[in-house]
């Protein structure tokens, strides 16, 4: 995440996807903490015998997304290793239970904020603007 985004307190979108049934993928996007589990009250409900009622929590902390196992019966795994918590980084795949559902996470990049000139404000750099390359004479206050 860019330092500007961190300073502004912006949270990047986290895309989550998993196979609900053979050939049928479910996809969500979050910008806040959420829970994954077997209960309908969970933000992401996965009906799988390997998934605990409240299996894992996903939260944005210290400038990055984290996955945390909620003391689930069957555990949360990354590359075959049981984890308690782990940074998602740019993307991560977890398995709920040793033989359960695979859940894929991907952080969507925030667009870098671009400066916008106000009417009458003169450019202090390259002649590039959000509206396109306009001659500086058009951006000066008339009158």
C-alpha atoms as a PDB file:
ATOM      1  CA  UNK A   1       0.000   0.000   0.000  1.00  0.00           C
ATOM      2  CA  UNK A   2       1.309   3.478  -0.774  1.00  0.00           C
ATOM      3  CA  UNK A   3       2.356   5.760   2.077  1.00  0.00           C
ATOM      4  CA  UNK A   4      -0.341   8.250   0.988  1.00  0.00           C
ATOM      5  CA  UNK A   5      -3.006   5.535   1.338  1.00  0.00           C
ATOM      6  CA  UNK A   6      -1.666   4.583   4.798  1.00  0.00           C
ATOM      7  CA  UNK A   7      -1.695   8.217   5.933  1.00  0.00           C
ATOM      8  CA  UNK A   8      -5.250   8.655   4.677  1.00  0.00           C
ATOM      9  CA  UNK A   9      -6.341   5.503   6.527  1.00  0.00           C
ATOM     10  CA  UNK A  10      -7.559   3.812   3.359  1.00  0.00           C
ATOM     11  CA  UNK A  11      -8.220   0.090   3.477  1.00  0.00           C
ATOM     12  CA  UNK A  12      -7.680  -1.852   0.237  1.00  0.00           C
ATOM     13  CA  UNK A  13     -10.441  -4.165  -0.915  1.00  0.00           C
ATOM     14  CA  UNK A  14      -9.888  -7.814  -0.131  1.00  0.00           C
ATOM     15  CA  UNK A  15     -11.347 -10.269  -2.644  1.00  0.00           C
ATOM     16  CA  UNK A  16     -12.220 -13.692  -1.242  1.00  0.00           C
ATOM     17  CA  UNK A  17     -13.342 -16.665  -3.317  1.00  0.00           C
ATOM     18  CA  UNK A  18     -13.995 -20.365  -2.821  1.00  0.00           C
ATOM     19  CA  UNK A  19     -15.742 -23.227  -4.600  1.00  0.00           C
ATOM     20  CA  UNK A  20     -19.216 -23.554  -3.068  1.00  0.00           C
ATOM     21  CA  UNK A  21     -19.968 -26.705  -5.026  1.00  0.00           C
ATOM     22  CA  UNK A  22     -18.234 -28.344  -8.000  1.00  0.00           C
ATOM     23  CA  UNK A  23     -17.985 -25.731 -10.755  1.00  0.00           C
ATOM     24  CA  UNK A  24     -19.736 -23.033  -8.695  1.00  0.00           C
ATOM     25  CA  UNK A  25     -17.515 -20.306  -7.188  1.00  0.00           C
ATOM     26  CA  UNK A  26     -18.621 -17.822  -4.567  1.00  0.00           C
ATOM     27  CA  UNK A  27     -16.881 -14.417  -4.409  1.00  0.00           C
ATOM     28  CA  UNK A  28     -16.966 -11.555  -1.901  1.00  0.00           C
ATOM     29  CA  UNK A  29     -15.159  -8.236  -1.422  1.00  0.00           C
ATOM     30  CA  UNK A  30     -14.536  -6.647   1.979  1.00  0.00           C
ATOM     31  CA  UNK A  31     -13.067  -3.421   3.311  1.00  0.00           C
ATOM     32  CA  UNK A  32     -13.727  -4.310   6.955  1.00  0.00           C
ATOM     33  CA  UNK A  33     -13.061  -7.216   9.302  1.00  0.00           C
ATOM     34  CA  UNK A  34     -15.169 -10.326   8.752  1.00  0.00           C
ATOM     35  CA  UNK A  35     -15.625 -13.901   9.940  1.00  0.00           C
ATOM     36  CA  UNK A  36     -15.671 -17.171   8.055  1.00  0.00           C
ATOM     37  CA  UNK A  37     -17.544 -20.139   9.483  1.00  0.00           C
ATOM     38  CA  UNK A  38     -20.300 -22.692   9.136  1.00  0.00           C
ATOM     39  CA  UNK A  39     -23.013 -20.629  10.876  1.00  0.00           C
ATOM     40  CA  UNK A  40     -25.366 -18.445   8.839  1.00  0.00           C
ATOM     41  CA  UNK A  41     -24.469 -15.470  11.063  1.00  0.00           C
ATOM     42  CA  UNK A  42     -20.880 -15.477   9.731  1.00  0.00           C
ATOM     43  CA  UNK A  43     -20.098 -12.921   7.023  1.00  0.00           C
ATOM     44  CA  UNK A  44     -18.860 -15.785   4.825  1.00  0.00           C
ATOM     45  CA  UNK A  45     -20.830 -18.959   5.499  1.00  0.00           C
ATOM     46  CA  UNK A  46     -19.287 -22.197   4.223  1.00  0.00           C
ATOM     47  CA  UNK A  47     -21.369 -25.324   4.776  1.00  0.00           C
ATOM     48  CA  UNK A  48     -18.602 -27.915   5.050  1.00  0.00           C
ATOM     49  CA  UNK A  49     -18.106 -30.548   7.776  1.00  0.00           C
ATOM     50  CA  UNK A  50     -14.449 -29.465   8.148  1.00  0.00           C
ATOM     51  CA  UNK A  51     -15.420 -25.839   8.862  1.00  0.00           C
ATOM     52  CA  UNK A  52     -16.092 -24.796  12.469  1.00  0.00           C
ATOM     53  CA  UNK A  53     -19.080 -22.645  13.425  1.00  0.00           C
ATOM     54  CA  UNK A  54     -16.718 -19.646  13.797  1.00  0.00           C
ATOM     55  CA  UNK A  55     -13.581 -20.795  11.999  1.00  0.00           C
ATOM     56  CA  UNK A  56     -11.450 -17.753  11.109  1.00  0.00           C
ATOM     57  CA  UNK A  57     -11.432 -13.989  11.332  1.00  0.00           C
ATOM     58  CA  UNK A  58      -9.948 -11.711   8.702  1.00  0.00           C
ATOM     59  CA  UNK A  59      -8.914  -8.207   9.802  1.00  0.00           C
ATOM     60  CA  UNK A  60      -6.973  -5.216   8.511  1.00  0.00           C
ATOM     61  CA  UNK A  61      -4.328  -4.308  11.083  1.00  0.00           C
ATOM     62  CA  UNK A  62      -1.036  -2.399  10.951  1.00  0.00           C
ATOM     63  CA  UNK A  63      -1.476  -1.612   7.263  1.00  0.00           C
ATOM     64  CA  UNK A  64      -2.175  -5.152   6.035  1.00  0.00           C
ATOM     65  CA  UNK A  65      -4.792  -7.903   5.949  1.00  0.00           C
ATOM     66  CA  UNK A  66      -4.413 -10.829   8.403  1.00  0.00           C
ATOM     67  CA  UNK A  67      -6.129 -14.212   8.780  1.00  0.00           C
ATOM     68  CA  UNK A  68      -6.524 -15.579  12.322  1.00  0.00           C
ATOM     69  CA  UNK A  69      -7.805 -19.027  13.278  1.00  0.00           C
ATOM     70  CA  UNK A  70     -10.517 -18.804  15.960  1.00  0.00           C
ATOM     71  CA  UNK A  71      -9.423 -21.988  17.785  1.00  0.00           C
ATOM     72  CA  UNK A  72     -11.284 -24.052  15.207  1.00  0.00           C
ATOM     73  CA  UNK A  73     -11.557 -27.809  15.726  1.00  0.00           C
ATOM     74  CA  UNK A  74      -9.962 -28.740  12.391  1.00  0.00           C
ATOM     75  CA  UNK A  75      -7.522 -25.834  12.047  1.00  0.00           C
ATOM     76  CA  UNK A  76      -6.551 -23.445   9.290  1.00  0.00           C
ATOM     77  CA  UNK A  77      -3.788 -24.506   6.890  1.00  0.00           C
ATOM     78  CA  UNK A  78      -1.402 -22.778   4.486  1.00  0.00           C
ATOM     79  CA  UNK A  79       0.653 -25.080   2.230  1.00  0.00           C
ATOM     80  CA  UNK A  80      -0.154 -28.038   4.493  1.00  0.00           C
ATOM     81  CA  UNK A  81       1.024 -26.276   7.684  1.00  0.00           C
ATOM     82  CA  UNK A  82      -1.421 -25.418  10.456  1.00  0.00           C
ATOM     83  CA  UNK A  83      -1.382 -21.704  11.284  1.00  0.00           C
ATOM     84  CA  UNK A  84      -2.802 -19.545  14.076  1.00  0.00           C
ATOM     85  CA  UNK A  85      -2.437 -16.235  12.252  1.00  0.00           C
ATOM     86  CA  UNK A  86      -0.738 -15.073   9.072  1.00  0.00           C
ATOM     87  CA  UNK A  87      -0.403 -11.976   6.926  1.00  0.00           C
ATOM     88  CA  UNK A  88      -2.288 -12.275   3.644  1.00  0.00           C
ATOM     89  CA  UNK A  89       0.303 -10.188   1.774  1.00  0.00           C
ATOM     90  CA  UNK A  90      -0.863  -9.618  -1.813  1.00  0.00           C
ATOM     91  CA  UNK A  91      -2.568 -13.024  -2.068  1.00  0.00           C
ATOM     92  CA  UNK A  92      -2.938 -16.158   0.002  1.00  0.00           C
ATOM     93  CA  UNK A  93      -4.766 -19.484  -0.146  1.00  0.00           C
ATOM     94  CA  UNK A  94      -5.878 -21.191   3.060  1.00  0.00           C
ATOM     95  CA  UNK A  95      -7.611 -24.490   3.680  1.00  0.00           C
ATOM     96  CA  UNK A  96     -10.279 -24.737   6.365  1.00  0.00           C
ATOM     97  CA  UNK A  97      -9.469 -28.046   8.013  1.00  0.00           C
ATOM     98  CA  UNK A  98      -6.849 -30.409   6.646  1.00  0.00           C
ATOM     99  CA  UNK A  99      -9.261 -31.635   3.953  1.00  0.00           C
ATOM    100  CA  UNK A 100     -11.777 -28.778   3.864  1.00  0.00           C
ATOM    101  CA  UNK A 101     -12.607 -25.918   1.549  1.00  0.00           C
ATOM    102  CA  UNK A 102      -9.809 -23.866  -0.009  1.00  0.00           C
ATOM    103  CA  UNK A 103     -10.325 -20.113   0.355  1.00  0.00           C
ATOM    104  CA  UNK A 104      -8.425 -17.677  -1.877  1.00  0.00           C
ATOM    105  CA  UNK A 105      -7.633 -14.095  -0.836  1.00  0.00           C
ATOM    106  CA  UNK A 106      -6.356 -11.324  -3.078  1.00  0.00           C
ATOM    107  CA  UNK A 107      -5.743  -7.713  -2.073  1.00  0.00           C
ATOM    108  CA  UNK A 108      -6.904  -5.314  -4.747  1.00  0.00           C
ATOM    109  CA  UNK A 109      -4.529  -2.401  -5.285  1.00  0.00           C
ATOM    110  CA  UNK A 110      -5.645   1.075  -4.317  1.00  0.00           C
ATOM    111  CA  UNK A 111      -5.453   3.624  -7.077  1.00  0.00           C
ATOM    112  CA  UNK A 112      -2.830   6.273  -6.350  1.00  0.00           C
ATOM    113  CA  UNK A 113      -4.422   9.626  -5.634  1.00  0.00           C
ATOM    114  CA  UNK A 114      -3.760  12.117  -8.432  1.00  0.00           C
ATOM    115  CA  UNK A 115      -3.514  15.881  -7.868  1.00  0.00           C
ATOM    116  CA  UNK A 116      -6.376  17.895  -9.265  1.00  0.00           C
ATOM    117  CA  UNK A 117      -5.882  21.554 -10.203  1.00  0.00           C
ATOM    118  CA  UNK A 118      -8.580  23.995  -9.173  1.00  0.00           C
ATOM    119  CA  UNK A 119      -9.858  26.516 -11.708  1.00  0.00           C
ATOM    120  CA  UNK A 120      -7.302  29.307 -12.017  1.00  0.00           C
ATOM    121  CA  UNK A 121      -4.502  27.374 -10.262  1.00  0.00           C
ATOM    122  CA  UNK A 122      -1.245  27.216 -12.211  1.00  0.00           C
ATOM    123  CA  UNK A 123       0.644  24.002 -12.746  1.00  0.00           C
ATOM    124  CA  UNK A 124       3.863  23.407 -10.820  1.00  0.00           C
ATOM    125  CA  UNK A 125       5.102  20.535 -12.917  1.00  0.00           C
ATOM    126  CA  UNK A 126       4.413  18.494 -16.036  1.00  0.00           C
ATOM    127  CA  UNK A 127       1.397  19.532 -18.046  1.00  0.00           C
ATOM    128  CA  UNK A 128      -0.614  16.416 -17.210  1.00  0.00           C
ATOM    129  CA  UNK A 129      -4.040  16.623 -15.670  1.00  0.00           C
ATOM    130  CA  UNK A 130      -6.826  14.200 -14.852  1.00  0.00           C
ATOM    131  CA  UNK A 131      -8.922  15.715 -17.634  1.00  0.00           C
ATOM    132  CA  UNK A 132      -6.073  15.247 -20.100  1.00  0.00           C
ATOM    133  CA  UNK A 133      -3.252  17.458 -21.287  1.00  0.00           C
ATOM    134  CA  UNK A 134      -4.736  20.963 -21.382  1.00  0.00           C
ATOM    135  CA  UNK A 135      -2.775  24.057 -22.340  1.00  0.00           C
ATOM    136  CA  UNK A 136      -1.910  26.055 -19.211  1.00  0.00           C
ATOM    137  CA  UNK A 137      -3.677  29.094 -20.716  1.00  0.00           C
ATOM    138  CA  UNK A 138      -7.006  27.286 -20.314  1.00  0.00           C
ATOM    139  CA  UNK A 139      -6.353  26.724 -16.619  1.00  0.00           C
ATOM    140  CA  UNK A 140      -5.589  30.358 -15.752  1.00  0.00           C
ATOM    141  CA  UNK A 141      -8.254  32.553 -14.264  1.00  0.00           C
ATOM    142  CA  UNK A 142      -9.803  34.785 -16.887  1.00  0.00           C
ATOM    143  CA  UNK A 143     -10.268  38.446 -16.175  1.00  0.00           C
END
